[in-house]
Amino acid sequence: MICTKCNFQNEESAKFCRECGASLFTIKTCPKCNFQGGEESRFCKNCGTKLVEKPIKQPEPPKAKESEKMSQTNADEKREKPILDRNIIVAIVIMLVGMVVLAVVYFMFKDSKDTPKKGDVYVVGHEGDIVKLWKNGVAQNLTDGTMESRGSANSVFVSGNDVYVAGYEETGYYEQYECVAKLWKNGIAQNLSDGTKHAKANSVFVSGNDVYVVGYETNTQSRPTKDIPILWKNGVAQNLIDESTGGTTANSVFVSGSNVYVAGITNNGYFSERGAWFNRLNAIVWKNGVAQNFTDGNTYSEAHSVFVLGNDVYVAGASNGRATLWENGIEQKLVDETIFFSGAYSVFVSGSDVYVAGYERISVPKLWKNGVAQNLTDGNRGPMASSVYVSGSDVYVAGAVYAFITDTEAYGACATIWKNGVATRLTDGSTDASANSVFVVE
């Protein structure tokens, strides 16, 4: 209730102004003839009836103009809009943080799954025409096995978080095909040769930041053609012999300190034994590019694997068709002289024990420990043991066994890994397969 004298705002129930004391009911009306008298009148001067007080009608506040209403609405919207914007920004930030957290968790899980860990067992080889890498028995295809992509993996080496695989890939058909030496790092292929020459990579070794691969390239310009032993260091090729002197291949590489050892074979012509002609192959080791022959070159010998411990150099291979181990150039036959067609493909030294993997009589996979033989199968399951690796007290051997044996034939070679003499097949034998190299993360 607004006082008409001082304009003070009073309560609606007030009869007198709290500010000036004036009556807030200043109009008196005759209930009979509706005559309005003054504040001091008590009776109607028109008819004599007693007057009744009525409150003064309060003025209505002025109505806001339409433009003022719109301005007020816009102002309200502007005050609300920052709040909405802030809510949207907060929601976007929360969503982005969630995505980042999920990505971090995914890659942590992925890395923990793929990163090599102590005790992980890596095996490489092939199944049919597909280049294979098995990690703890789980297969990964390195090629698709089509006519444009056939091949095999011959060696595996793990350094830190990186897995290196050496092998080859063939493309094309029959006489028109090309064979390219390959190095896969964490599944990504790198060509070591350009495809103009037939080439294969047989072994890989990593020392520090340097990656060493050995194999061969075929000199197609010579007649007859010659396979030239090659050492690739970080992808750069080095011929281990003069192309004019002949083949044939480098099979294994081992780095000890600043010294690089390569085991392989050179060709010195032909010789005859038991009515058959053989290449006069010579087992050889190159130390920092300088060749050391293990035989006189007049017989048949091969060097397939080299291992260095301290000052001792161990080489596994064959001499005159018999599995052989050389220690610092001194030859030790692993089989009886009466046993022909045997070979040693891999050597590993652990402490004072020397392990050699190979085969005997073509189809019996063998493991020799300090010269004592152990059959890995019952004697007819062949074809061979290709690689040996010792980790602590466990001995791992990679190779192949036949899935199916009849009276007249054996077929369906299965890639196989033996741990302490117990075999695990990596393939089912439906397609010929082989495990060529094994590496255990320490």
Protein backbone atom coordinates (compact mmCIF):
# COMPACT_ATOMS: atom_id res chain seq x y z
CA MET A 1 0.00 0.00 0.00
CA ILE A 2 1.59 3.29 -1.16
CA CYS A 3 1.05 6.38 0.95
CA THR A 4 -0.42 9.21 -1.18
CA LYS A 5 1.36 11.79 0.90
CA CYS A 6 4.96 10.48 1.18
CA ASN A 7 4.91 7.60 -1.38
CA PHE A 8 6.24 5.18 1.23
CA GLN A 9 5.55 1.55 0.48
CA ASN A 10 3.51 0.02 3.32
CA GLU A 11 2.17 -3.48 3.89
CA GLU A 12 -1.12 -4.30 2.16
CA SER A 13 -2.88 -4.70 5.55
CA ALA A 14 -1.67 -1.32 6.94
CA LYS A 15 -4.30 1.37 7.65
CA PHE A 16 -1.84 4.15 8.38
CA CYS A 17 1.51 5.01 6.80
CA ARG A 18 4.50 3.85 8.83
CA GLU A 19 6.54 6.72 7.50
CA CYS A 20 4.23 9.78 7.99
CA GLY A 21 1.20 8.41 9.94
CA ALA A 22 -1.39 9.45 7.34
CA SER A 23 -4.46 7.29 6.86
CA LEU A 24 -4.19 4.98 3.94
CA PHE A 25 -8.05 5.00 3.59
CA THR A 26 -8.68 8.56 2.45
CA ILE A 27 -11.94 8.14 0.51
CA LYS A 28 -15.37 7.78 2.23
CA THR A 29 -18.35 6.67 0.15
CA CYS A 30 -22.08 6.81 0.93
CA PRO A 31 -23.41 3.27 0.76
CA LYS A 32 -26.85 4.64 -0.22
CA CYS A 33 -26.24 7.21 -2.92
CA ASN A 34 -22.50 6.55 -3.60
CA PHE A 35 -21.59 10.09 -2.73
CA GLN A 36 -17.89 10.46 -1.96
CA GLY A 37 -16.96 12.56 0.99
CA GLY A 38 -13.67 13.80 2.30
CA GLU A 39 -11.48 12.15 4.85
CA GLU A 40 -12.96 14.20 7.73
CA SER A 41 -16.64 13.69 6.70
CA ARG A 42 -18.65 11.26 8.80
CA PHE A 43 -22.12 11.48 7.15
CA CYS A 44 -23.29 12.00 3.59
CA LYS A 45 -24.21 15.57 3.05
CA ASN A 46 -26.55 14.49 0.27
CA CYS A 47 -28.76 12.05 2.16
CA GLY A 48 -27.40 11.98 5.68
CA THR A 49 -26.25 8.35 5.58
CA LYS A 50 -23.05 7.45 7.43
CA LEU A 51 -20.11 7.28 5.07
CA VAL A 52 -17.95 4.13 4.69
CA GLU A 53 -14.19 4.22 4.24
CA LYS A 54 -12.75 2.60 1.08
CA PRO A 55 -9.02 2.12 0.41
CA ILE A 56 -7.49 4.19 -2.30
CA LYS A 57 -7.09 2.23 -5.50
CA GLN A 58 -3.43 1.65 -6.02
CA PRO A 59 -2.04 2.62 -9.40
CA GLU A 60 -0.95 -0.27 -11.64
CA PRO A 61 2.68 -0.31 -12.55
CA PRO A 62 3.29 0.86 -16.10
CA LYS A 63 3.31 -1.88 -18.71
CA ALA A 64 6.63 -2.53 -20.34
CA LYS A 65 6.83 -1.82 -24.03
CA GLU A 66 7.20 -4.73 -26.41
CA SER A 67 10.74 -3.66 -27.32
CA GLU A 68 11.65 -3.53 -23.64
CA LYS A 69 10.24 -7.05 -23.20
CA MET A 70 12.36 -8.32 -26.09
CA SER A 71 15.46 -6.64 -24.69
CA GLN A 72 14.84 -8.26 -21.33
CA THR A 73 14.34 -11.66 -22.98
CA ASN A 74 17.57 -11.29 -24.94
CA ALA A 75 19.39 -10.29 -21.80
CA ASP A 76 18.06 -13.37 -20.01
CA GLU A 77 19.12 -15.58 -22.93
CA LYS A 78 22.59 -14.06 -22.89
CA ARG A 79 22.89 -14.78 -19.20
CA GLU A 80 21.79 -18.43 -19.79
CA LYS A 81 23.90 -18.99 -22.93
CA PRO A 82 27.33 -18.95 -21.21
CA ILE A 83 26.00 -21.58 -18.82
CA LEU A 84 24.94 -23.77 -21.73
CA ASP A 85 28.27 -23.19 -23.50
CA ARG A 86 30.18 -24.16 -20.38
CA ASN A 87 28.15 -27.36 -20.04
CA ILE A 88 28.86 -28.29 -23.67
CA ILE A 89 32.58 -27.60 -23.23
CA VAL A 90 32.68 -29.68 -20.06
CA ALA A 91 30.91 -32.56 -21.83
CA ILE A 92 33.36 -32.43 -24.76
CA VAL A 93 36.35 -32.36 -22.41
CA ILE A 94 35.02 -35.37 -20.48
CA MET A 95 34.46 -37.24 -23.75
CA LEU A 96 37.97 -36.46 -25.02
CA VAL A 97 39.56 -37.48 -21.72
CA GLY A 98 37.63 -40.74 -21.86
CA MET A 99 38.83 -41.41 -25.41
CA VAL A 100 42.44 -40.72 -24.40
CA VAL A 101 42.15 -43.06 -21.40
CA LEU A 102 40.69 -45.82 -23.59
CA ALA A 103 43.45 -45.34 -26.17
CA VAL A 104 46.16 -45.50 -23.49
CA VAL A 105 44.64 -48.66 -22.00
CA TYR A 106 44.35 -50.24 -25.46
CA PHE A 107 47.94 -49.55 -26.41
CA MET A 108 49.20 -50.61 -22.99
CA PHE A 109 47.36 -53.90 -23.43
CA LYS A 110 48.49 -54.21 -27.04
CA ASP A 111 52.12 -53.49 -26.13
CA SER A 112 52.02 -55.87 -23.19
CA LYS A 113 50.66 -58.53 -25.54
CA ASP A 114 53.12 -57.96 -28.40
CA THR A 115 56.24 -56.89 -26.54
CA PRO A 116 58.72 -59.75 -26.08
CA LYS A 117 58.92 -60.91 -22.49
CA LYS A 118 61.29 -63.24 -20.68
CA GLY A 119 60.47 -66.83 -21.53
CA ASP A 120 58.69 -66.07 -24.82
CA VAL A 121 59.53 -68.66 -27.49
CA TYR A 122 59.75 -67.49 -31.10
CA VAL A 123 59.86 -69.96 -33.98
CA VAL A 124 59.97 -69.24 -37.73
CA GLY A 125 59.56 -71.34 -40.83
CA HIS A 126 56.83 -71.92 -43.35
CA GLU A 127 53.51 -73.69 -43.83
CA GLY A 128 52.95 -74.45 -47.46
CA ASP A 129 54.00 -71.30 -49.29
CA ILE A 130 53.27 -69.00 -46.32
CA VAL A 131 56.14 -67.49 -44.32
CA LYS A 132 55.36 -68.11 -40.64
CA LEU A 133 56.28 -66.71 -37.25
CA TRP A 134 55.03 -68.51 -34.14
CA LYS A 135 55.13 -66.81 -30.74
CA ASN A 136 54.49 -69.25 -27.91
CA GLY A 137 52.77 -71.52 -30.44
CA VAL A 138 50.48 -68.82 -31.89
CA ALA A 139 51.01 -68.34 -35.63
CA GLN A 140 51.43 -65.08 -37.50
CA ASN A 141 51.54 -64.98 -41.30
CA LEU A 142 54.31 -62.82 -42.72
CA THR A 143 53.12 -63.39 -46.31
CA ASP A 144 49.79 -64.40 -47.85
CA GLY A 145 51.04 -67.51 -49.67
CA THR A 146 49.67 -66.56 -53.08
CA MET A 147 51.58 -67.20 -56.30
CA GLU A 148 52.84 -63.63 -55.95
CA SER A 149 54.05 -64.22 -52.39
CA ARG A 150 55.66 -67.57 -51.57
CA GLY A 151 58.65 -68.18 -49.34
CA SER A 152 60.07 -69.24 -45.99
CA ALA A 153 61.66 -67.80 -42.87
CA ASN A 154 65.07 -69.23 -41.98
CA SER A 155 66.15 -67.35 -38.84
CA VAL A 156 64.70 -65.32 -35.95
CA PHE A 157 66.40 -62.99 -33.45
CA VAL A 158 64.85 -60.87 -30.69
CA SER A 159 66.54 -57.69 -29.46
CA GLY A 160 64.74 -55.53 -26.91
CA ASN A 161 61.19 -55.00 -28.15
CA ASP A 162 62.04 -55.88 -31.75
CA VAL A 163 61.63 -59.22 -33.52
CA TYR A 164 63.77 -59.79 -36.62
CA VAL A 165 63.12 -62.57 -39.15
CA ALA A 166 65.35 -63.42 -42.12
CA GLY A 167 64.14 -65.38 -45.11
CA TYR A 168 62.99 -64.97 -48.67
CA GLU A 169 59.91 -64.41 -50.81
CA GLU A 170 59.29 -65.73 -54.30
CA THR A 171 57.08 -64.14 -56.94
CA GLY A 172 56.11 -65.24 -60.43
CA TYR A 173 55.85 -68.66 -62.05
CA TYR A 174 58.37 -71.42 -62.73
CA GLU A 175 61.34 -70.19 -64.82
CA GLN A 176 60.04 -66.64 -64.60
CA TYR A 177 59.93 -66.44 -60.82
CA GLU A 178 62.08 -64.13 -58.72
CA CYS A 179 63.41 -64.83 -55.25
CA VAL A 180 64.03 -61.80 -53.00
CA ALA A 181 66.06 -61.90 -49.77
CA LYS A 182 63.90 -60.44 -46.99
CA LEU A 183 64.23 -59.10 -43.46
CA TRP A 184 61.06 -58.64 -41.43
CA LYS A 185 61.20 -56.34 -38.41
CA ASN A 186 58.12 -56.63 -36.21
CA GLY A 187 56.25 -58.07 -39.19
CA ILE A 188 57.22 -55.32 -41.64
CA ALA A 189 59.23 -56.56 -44.62
CA GLN A 190 62.42 -54.99 -45.98
CA ASN A 191 63.92 -56.14 -49.26
CA LEU A 192 67.62 -56.94 -49.00
CA SER A 193 67.92 -57.64 -52.73
CA ASP A 194 66.30 -55.87 -55.66
CA GLY A 195 64.72 -58.87 -57.35
CA THR A 196 67.02 -58.87 -60.37
CA LYS A 197 69.00 -61.75 -58.85
CA HIS A 198 67.85 -64.91 -57.14
CA ALA A 199 68.61 -64.28 -53.43
CA LYS A 200 67.85 -65.68 -49.97
CA ALA A 201 68.57 -64.59 -46.40
CA ASN A 202 69.56 -67.47 -44.12
CA SER A 203 70.49 -65.96 -40.75
CA VAL A 204 70.11 -62.75 -38.71
CA PHE A 205 71.98 -61.46 -35.66
CA VAL A 206 71.54 -58.12 -33.86
CA SER A 207 74.35 -56.44 -31.91
CA GLY A 208 73.59 -53.04 -30.43
CA ASN A 209 72.08 -50.91 -33.20
CA ASP A 210 73.54 -53.06 -35.99
CA VAL A 211 71.58 -55.75 -37.81
CA TYR A 212 73.58 -58.45 -39.61
CA VAL A 213 72.03 -60.79 -42.16
CA VAL A 214 73.74 -63.41 -44.31
CA GLY A 215 72.63 -65.38 -47.35
CA TYR A 216 73.43 -65.39 -51.03
CA GLU A 217 72.69 -63.84 -54.40
CA THR A 218 72.93 -65.64 -57.73
CA ASN A 219 75.18 -64.11 -60.38
CA THR A 220 73.04 -64.79 -63.43
CA GLN A 221 75.61 -63.23 -65.75
CA SER A 222 78.19 -65.96 -65.14
CA ARG A 223 78.16 -69.33 -66.95
CA PRO A 224 77.39 -71.49 -65.16
CA THR A 225 75.52 -69.25 -62.74
CA LYS A 226 77.13 -68.80 -59.32
CA ASP A 227 75.69 -68.19 -55.88
CA ILE A 228 77.67 -65.46 -54.12
CA PRO A 229 77.78 -65.47 -50.27
CA ILE A 230 76.54 -62.10 -48.98
CA LEU A 231 76.72 -60.28 -45.64
CA TRP A 232 74.24 -57.44 -45.23
CA LYS A 233 74.98 -54.97 -42.42
CA ASN A 234 72.06 -52.61 -41.82
CA GLY A 235 70.84 -53.43 -45.31
CA VAL A 236 74.16 -52.77 -47.10
CA ALA A 237 75.48 -55.81 -48.98
CA GLN A 238 79.07 -57.06 -48.87
CA ASN A 239 80.29 -59.94 -51.04
CA LEU A 240 82.26 -62.44 -48.98
CA ILE A 241 84.09 -63.82 -52.02
CA ASP A 242 85.07 -62.55 -55.43
CA GLU A 243 82.32 -63.30 -57.93
CA SER A 244 84.90 -64.80 -60.27
CA THR A 245 85.93 -67.53 -57.81
CA GLY A 246 82.56 -69.24 -57.34
CA GLY A 247 79.81 -69.89 -54.74
CA THR A 248 77.95 -70.80 -52.85
CA THR A 249 76.27 -69.43 -49.68
CA ALA A 250 76.53 -67.93 -46.20
CA ASN A 251 74.40 -69.85 -43.72
CA SER A 252 74.94 -68.36 -40.27
CA VAL A 253 76.18 -65.14 -38.63
CA PHE A 254 77.31 -64.52 -35.04
CA VAL A 255 78.70 -61.30 -33.53
CA SER A 256 81.03 -61.38 -30.53
CA GLY A 257 82.31 -57.99 -29.42
CA SER A 258 83.71 -56.27 -32.51
CA ASN A 259 84.15 -59.53 -34.42
CA VAL A 260 81.68 -60.79 -37.02
CA TYR A 261 81.73 -64.51 -37.79
CA VAL A 262 79.99 -66.01 -40.81
CA ALA A 263 79.71 -69.75 -41.53
CA GLY A 264 79.06 -70.98 -45.03
CA ILE A 265 80.07 -73.02 -48.04
CA THR A 266 82.26 -72.46 -51.07
CA ASN A 267 82.35 -74.56 -54.23
CA ASN A 268 85.67 -76.08 -55.35
CA GLY A 269 84.51 -78.30 -58.21
CA TYR A 270 83.35 -81.94 -58.06
CA PHE A 271 84.40 -85.34 -56.66
CA SER A 272 83.20 -88.95 -56.89
CA GLU A 273 82.27 -91.28 -54.03
CA ARG A 274 80.51 -94.67 -54.16
CA GLY A 275 79.87 -94.19 -57.84
CA ALA A 276 78.14 -90.80 -57.43
CA TRP A 277 79.37 -87.31 -58.24
CA PHE A 278 79.16 -84.52 -55.67
CA ASN A 279 79.97 -80.84 -55.60
CA ARG A 280 83.35 -80.31 -53.99
CA LEU A 281 81.93 -78.07 -51.29
CA ASN A 282 84.14 -76.61 -48.59
CA ALA A 283 83.08 -75.63 -45.06
CA ILE A 284 84.30 -72.12 -44.35
CA VAL A 285 84.14 -69.41 -41.69
CA TRP A 286 84.77 -65.75 -42.36
CA LYS A 287 85.98 -63.65 -39.44
CA ASN A 288 85.59 -59.96 -40.26
CA GLY A 289 85.58 -60.92 -43.93
CA VAL A 290 88.74 -63.08 -43.81
CA ALA A 291 88.12 -66.72 -44.79
CA GLN A 292 89.23 -69.77 -42.80
CA ASN A 293 88.80 -73.15 -44.51
CA PHE A 294 87.98 -76.10 -42.24
CA THR A 295 88.94 -78.80 -44.75
CA ASP A 296 91.54 -79.16 -47.51
CA GLY A 297 88.90 -78.57 -50.18
CA ASN A 298 89.26 -82.04 -51.70
CA THR A 299 86.19 -83.49 -50.00
CA TYR A 300 82.58 -82.58 -49.39
CA SER A 301 81.98 -80.38 -46.34
CA GLU A 302 79.43 -77.80 -45.22
CA ALA A 303 79.24 -75.21 -42.42
CA HIS A 304 75.67 -74.43 -41.38
CA SER A 305 75.94 -72.74 -38.00
CA VAL A 306 78.49 -70.79 -35.95
CA PHE A 307 78.49 -69.96 -32.21
CA VAL A 308 81.18 -68.05 -30.32
CA LEU A 309 81.78 -68.18 -26.57
CA GLY A 310 84.80 -66.30 -25.27
CA ASN A 311 87.71 -67.27 -27.48
CA ASP A 312 86.14 -70.50 -28.70
CA VAL A 313 84.48 -70.79 -32.10
CA TYR A 314 82.05 -73.68 -32.66
CA VAL A 315 80.81 -74.63 -36.13
CA ALA A 316 78.19 -77.27 -36.99
CA GLY A 317 77.90 -78.85 -40.41
CA ALA A 318 78.87 -81.96 -42.32
CA SER A 319 82.02 -83.54 -43.65
CA ASN A 320 81.85 -86.25 -46.32
CA GLY A 321 78.12 -86.64 -45.68
CA ARG A 322 78.44 -87.04 -41.89
CA ALA A 323 77.27 -84.70 -39.14
CA THR A 324 80.30 -82.80 -37.83
CA LEU A 325 81.22 -80.27 -35.15
CA TRP A 326 84.34 -78.15 -35.39
CA GLU A 327 85.72 -76.52 -32.23
CA ASN A 328 88.36 -73.92 -33.08
CA GLY A 329 88.89 -75.70 -36.38
CA ILE A 330 89.29 -79.19 -34.88
CA GLU A 331 86.88 -81.68 -36.41
CA GLN A 332 84.67 -84.02 -34.37
CA LYS A 333 82.39 -86.47 -36.14
CA LEU A 334 79.00 -86.76 -34.43
CA VAL A 335 78.09 -90.07 -36.11
CA ASP A 336 79.87 -93.30 -36.86
CA GLU A 337 81.86 -93.42 -40.08
CA THR A 338 79.51 -96.13 -41.32
CA ILE A 339 76.53 -93.76 -41.18
CA PHE A 340 76.15 -91.79 -44.38
CA PHE A 341 73.69 -88.98 -45.14
CA SER A 342 73.63 -87.05 -41.88
CA GLY A 343 74.20 -83.42 -41.03
CA ALA A 344 74.36 -80.80 -38.27
CA TYR A 345 72.39 -77.60 -38.81
CA SER A 346 72.67 -75.67 -35.54
CA VAL A 347 75.03 -75.34 -32.57
CA PHE A 348 74.46 -73.64 -29.20
CA VAL A 349 76.85 -73.48 -26.24
CA SER A 350 75.64 -73.05 -22.67
CA GLY A 351 78.35 -73.05 -20.01
CA SER A 352 80.47 -76.13 -20.65
CA ASP A 353 77.76 -77.93 -22.64
CA VAL A 354 77.67 -77.99 -26.43
CA TYR A 355 74.35 -78.76 -28.13
CA VAL A 356 74.00 -79.62 -31.82
CA ALA A 357 70.78 -80.20 -33.78
CA GLY A 358 70.58 -82.05 -37.08
CA TYR A 359 69.60 -85.38 -38.58
CA GLU A 360 70.82 -88.90 -39.21
CA ARG A 361 70.02 -91.30 -42.07
CA ILE A 362 67.94 -88.60 -43.78
CA SER A 363 64.82 -88.99 -41.61
CA VAL A 364 65.87 -89.13 -37.94
CA PRO A 365 65.91 -85.73 -36.14
CA LYS A 366 68.82 -85.65 -33.67
CA LEU A 367 70.07 -83.63 -30.74
CA TRP A 368 73.66 -84.13 -29.63
CA LYS A 369 74.81 -82.93 -26.20
CA ASN A 370 78.56 -83.00 -25.80
CA GLY A 371 78.71 -85.51 -28.64
CA VAL A 372 76.10 -87.90 -27.20
CA ALA A 373 73.11 -88.40 -29.51
CA GLN A 374 69.44 -88.24 -28.55
CA ASN A 375 66.69 -89.26 -30.97
CA LEU A 376 63.86 -86.73 -31.06
CA THR A 377 61.47 -89.19 -32.71
CA ASP A 378 61.00 -92.96 -32.82
CA GLY A 379 63.34 -93.17 -35.79
CA ASN A 380 61.04 -92.83 -38.78
CA ARG A 381 59.23 -89.58 -38.18
CA GLY A 382 61.91 -87.21 -39.65
CA PRO A 383 62.89 -85.30 -41.52
CA MET A 384 65.24 -83.18 -39.37
CA ALA A 385 66.04 -80.85 -36.48
CA SER A 386 67.03 -77.43 -37.79
CA SER A 387 67.78 -75.23 -34.78
CA VAL A 388 68.65 -75.49 -31.08
CA TYR A 389 68.45 -72.88 -28.30
CA VAL A 390 69.19 -73.30 -24.58
CA SER A 391 67.55 -71.10 -21.95
CA GLY A 392 68.47 -71.91 -18.38
CA SER A 393 67.85 -75.62 -17.91
CA ASP A 394 65.49 -75.86 -20.90
CA VAL A 395 66.59 -77.07 -24.32
CA TYR A 396 64.47 -76.08 -27.33
CA VAL A 397 64.78 -77.65 -30.78
CA ALA A 398 62.91 -76.57 -33.93
CA GLY A 399 62.38 -78.83 -36.91
CA ALA A 400 59.79 -81.03 -38.60
CA VAL A 401 58.20 -84.45 -38.29
CA TYR A 402 55.99 -86.38 -40.68
CA ALA A 403 52.33 -86.59 -39.77
CA PHE A 404 51.60 -89.66 -41.86
CA ILE A 405 53.71 -92.82 -42.16
CA THR A 406 52.97 -95.80 -44.39
CA ASP A 407 55.00 -98.83 -45.39
CA THR A 408 56.17 -97.06 -48.51
CA GLU A 409 56.23 -93.37 -47.73
CA ALA A 410 56.16 -90.58 -45.16
CA TYR A 411 54.40 -87.31 -45.88
CA GLY A 412 52.67 -84.31 -44.32
CA ALA A 413 55.65 -82.65 -42.65
CA CYS A 414 54.60 -80.73 -39.53
CA ALA A 415 56.48 -77.77 -38.12
CA THR A 416 57.53 -78.97 -34.66
CA ILE A 417 59.15 -77.60 -31.51
CA TRP A 418 60.72 -79.85 -28.88
CA LYS A 419 61.20 -78.68 -25.29
CA ASN A 420 63.42 -81.00 -23.29
CA GLY A 421 62.67 -83.76 -25.78
CA VAL A 422 58.85 -83.37 -25.73
CA ALA A 423 57.43 -82.50 -29.15
CA THR A 424 54.68 -79.97 -29.90
CA ARG A 425 53.38 -79.74 -33.43
CA LEU A 426 52.79 -76.23 -34.69
CA THR A 427 50.91 -77.39 -37.80
CA ASP A 428 48.59 -80.31 -38.56
CA GLY A 429 50.33 -81.87 -41.55
CA SER A 430 47.64 -80.97 -44.07
CA THR A 431 50.28 -78.85 -45.79
CA ASP A 432 54.02 -79.47 -45.70
CA ALA A 433 55.60 -77.21 -43.09
CA SER A 434 58.86 -76.75 -41.24
CA ALA A 435 60.20 -74.87 -38.21
CA ASN A 436 63.65 -73.59 -39.16
CA SER A 437 64.80 -71.45 -36.23
CA VAL A 438 63.98 -70.96 -32.54
CA PHE A 439 64.83 -68.08 -30.17
CA VAL A 440 63.94 -67.74 -26.47
CA VAL A 441 63.81 -64.34 -24.78
CA GLU A 442 66.14 -64.22 -21.79
